Amino acid sequence: MGYHKPMSEEAKIMLRQLRGTPIYIYDATAKTLIFISDSSAYARQWIFDNLKIHHVSLNNCLSDGNLYLNKFFFSLDIISEFP
């Protein structure tokens, strides 16, 4: 039988980014793009930790289009109208 070497950390990161979905964060009042997360689970965790948003709230904002703190808009798609 064949032997496989463990996958390198760089390869793991690349696969996570290829399989995941980036999150775009917009300032709805200024109508500007303020942050693009990469598509890894680490980026979502960074959003949870640094914005102090609960994962249910983030999922609700993404699925329903609700504003977070009446200012921030989370999207899975880039919005060409916002610079």
C-alpha atoms as a PDB file:
ATOM      1  CA  MET A   1       0.000   0.000   0.000  1.00  0.00           C
ATOM      2  CA  GLY A   2       1.065   3.570  -0.606  1.00  0.00           C
ATOM      3  CA  TYR A   3       2.234   6.032   2.004  1.00  0.00           C
ATOM      4  CA  HIS A   4       1.087   9.625   2.031  1.00  0.00           C
ATOM      5  CA  LYS A   5       3.019  12.409   3.668  1.00  0.00           C
ATOM      6  CA  PRO A   6       1.123  14.847   5.924  1.00  0.00           C
ATOM      7  CA  MET A   7      -0.191  17.908   4.118  1.00  0.00           C
ATOM      8  CA  SER A   8       1.828  21.082   4.635  1.00  0.00           C
ATOM      9  CA  GLU A   9       0.258  24.043   6.453  1.00  0.00           C
ATOM     10  CA  GLU A  10       0.497  26.119   3.268  1.00  0.00           C
ATOM     11  CA  ALA A  11      -1.478  23.495   1.341  1.00  0.00           C
ATOM     12  CA  LYS A  12      -4.104  23.315   4.101  1.00  0.00           C
ATOM     13  CA  ILE A  13      -4.564  27.108   4.038  1.00  0.00           C
ATOM     14  CA  MET A  14      -4.835  27.130   0.255  1.00  0.00           C
ATOM     15  CA  LEU A  15      -7.501  24.389   0.275  1.00  0.00           C
ATOM     16  CA  ARG A  16      -9.510  26.194   2.970  1.00  0.00           C
ATOM     17  CA  GLN A  17      -9.478  29.368   0.901  1.00  0.00           C
ATOM     18  CA  LEU A  18     -10.518  27.553  -2.268  1.00  0.00           C
ATOM     19  CA  ARG A  19     -13.432  25.792  -0.548  1.00  0.00           C
ATOM     20  CA  GLY A  20     -14.652  28.679   1.576  1.00  0.00           C
ATOM     21  CA  THR A  21     -16.616  31.827   0.888  1.00  0.00           C
ATOM     22  CA  PRO A  22     -15.247  35.318   1.575  1.00  0.00           C
ATOM     23  CA  ILE A  23     -17.299  37.786   3.607  1.00  0.00           C
ATOM     24  CA  TYR A  24     -17.481  41.436   2.578  1.00  0.00           C
ATOM     25  CA  ILE A  25     -18.188  44.071   5.225  1.00  0.00           C
ATOM     26  CA  TYR A  26     -19.593  47.423   4.139  1.00  0.00           C
ATOM     27  CA  ASP A  27     -20.220  50.657   5.990  1.00  0.00           C
ATOM     28  CA  ALA A  28     -23.832  51.277   5.000  1.00  0.00           C
ATOM     29  CA  THR A  29     -23.827  54.963   5.970  1.00  0.00           C
ATOM     30  CA  ALA A  30     -20.686  55.839   3.992  1.00  0.00           C
ATOM     31  CA  LYS A  31     -21.488  53.207   1.326  1.00  0.00           C
ATOM     32  CA  THR A  32     -17.937  51.880   1.286  1.00  0.00           C
ATOM     33  CA  LEU A  33     -16.312  48.480   1.441  1.00  0.00           C
ATOM     34  CA  ILE A  34     -14.315  48.365   4.668  1.00  0.00           C
ATOM     35  CA  PHE A  35     -13.181  44.741   4.965  1.00  0.00           C
ATOM     36  CA  ILE A  36     -12.841  41.582   2.894  1.00  0.00           C
ATOM     37  CA  SER A  37     -12.265  38.394   4.834  1.00  0.00           C
ATOM     38  CA  ASP A  38     -10.511  35.520   3.226  1.00  0.00           C
ATOM     39  CA  SER A  39     -12.598  32.421   2.896  1.00  0.00           C
ATOM     40  CA  SER A  40     -11.192  30.454   5.806  1.00  0.00           C
ATOM     41  CA  ALA A  41     -12.833  29.545   9.070  1.00  0.00           C
ATOM     42  CA  TYR A  42     -10.109  31.602  10.751  1.00  0.00           C
ATOM     43  CA  ALA A  43     -11.516  34.741   9.127  1.00  0.00           C
ATOM     44  CA  ARG A  44     -14.973  34.063  10.530  1.00  0.00           C
ATOM     45  CA  GLN A  45     -13.435  33.510  13.956  1.00  0.00           C
ATOM     46  CA  TRP A  46     -11.554  36.823  13.590  1.00  0.00           C
ATOM     47  CA  ILE A  47     -14.872  38.536  12.821  1.00  0.00           C
ATOM     48  CA  PHE A  48     -16.508  36.925  15.879  1.00  0.00           C
ATOM     49  CA  ASP A  49     -13.634  37.857  18.183  1.00  0.00           C
ATOM     50  CA  ASN A  50     -12.908  41.376  16.965  1.00  0.00           C
ATOM     51  CA  LEU A  51     -16.384  42.634  16.139  1.00  0.00           C
ATOM     52  CA  LYS A  52     -17.906  40.838  19.134  1.00  0.00           C
ATOM     53  CA  ILE A  53     -20.668  39.467  16.931  1.00  0.00           C
ATOM     54  CA  HIS A  54     -22.296  36.138  17.723  1.00  0.00           C
ATOM     55  CA  HIS A  55     -22.230  33.560  14.935  1.00  0.00           C
ATOM     56  CA  VAL A  56     -26.057  33.458  14.866  1.00  0.00           C
ATOM     57  CA  SER A  57     -26.165  37.242  14.416  1.00  0.00           C
ATOM     58  CA  LEU A  58     -23.619  37.067  11.606  1.00  0.00           C
ATOM     59  CA  ASN A  59     -25.573  34.308   9.874  1.00  0.00           C
ATOM     60  CA  ASN A  60     -28.805  36.319  10.255  1.00  0.00           C
ATOM     61  CA  CYS A  61     -27.157  39.429   8.811  1.00  0.00           C
ATOM     62  CA  LEU A  62     -25.807  37.408   5.888  1.00  0.00           C
ATOM     63  CA  SER A  63     -29.050  35.614   5.128  1.00  0.00           C
ATOM     64  CA  ASP A  64     -31.574  38.406   5.844  1.00  0.00           C
ATOM     65  CA  GLY A  65     -29.556  41.462   4.834  1.00  0.00           C
ATOM     66  CA  ASN A  66     -29.978  43.100   8.241  1.00  0.00           C
ATOM     67  CA  LEU A  67     -27.554  45.795   9.312  1.00  0.00           C
ATOM     68  CA  TYR A  68     -25.283  45.079  12.265  1.00  0.00           C
ATOM     69  CA  LEU A  69     -25.326  47.939  14.799  1.00  0.00           C
ATOM     70  CA  ASN A  70     -27.446  49.887  12.272  1.00  0.00           C
ATOM     71  CA  LYS A  71     -24.287  50.571  10.300  1.00  0.00           C
ATOM     72  CA  PHE A  72     -22.489  47.493   8.975  1.00  0.00           C
ATOM     73  CA  PHE A  73     -23.709  45.346   6.123  1.00  0.00           C
ATOM     74  CA  PHE A  74     -22.314  41.819   5.710  1.00  0.00           C
ATOM     75  CA  SER A  75     -22.443  40.205   2.293  1.00  0.00           C
ATOM     76  CA  LEU A  76     -21.187  37.078   0.558  1.00  0.00           C
ATOM     77  CA  ASP A  77     -21.066  39.016  -2.723  1.00  0.00           C
ATOM     78  CA  ILE A  78     -19.172  42.078  -3.735  1.00  0.00           C
ATOM     79  CA  ILE A  79     -21.420  45.096  -4.347  1.00  0.00           C
ATOM     80  CA  SER A  80     -20.124  47.035  -7.333  1.00  0.00           C
ATOM     81  CA  GLU A  81     -22.070  50.181  -6.365  1.00  0.00           C
ATOM     82  CA  PHE A  82     -20.025  50.547  -3.159  1.00  0.00           C
ATOM     83  CA  PRO A  83     -16.426  51.702  -3.772  1.00  0.00           C
END
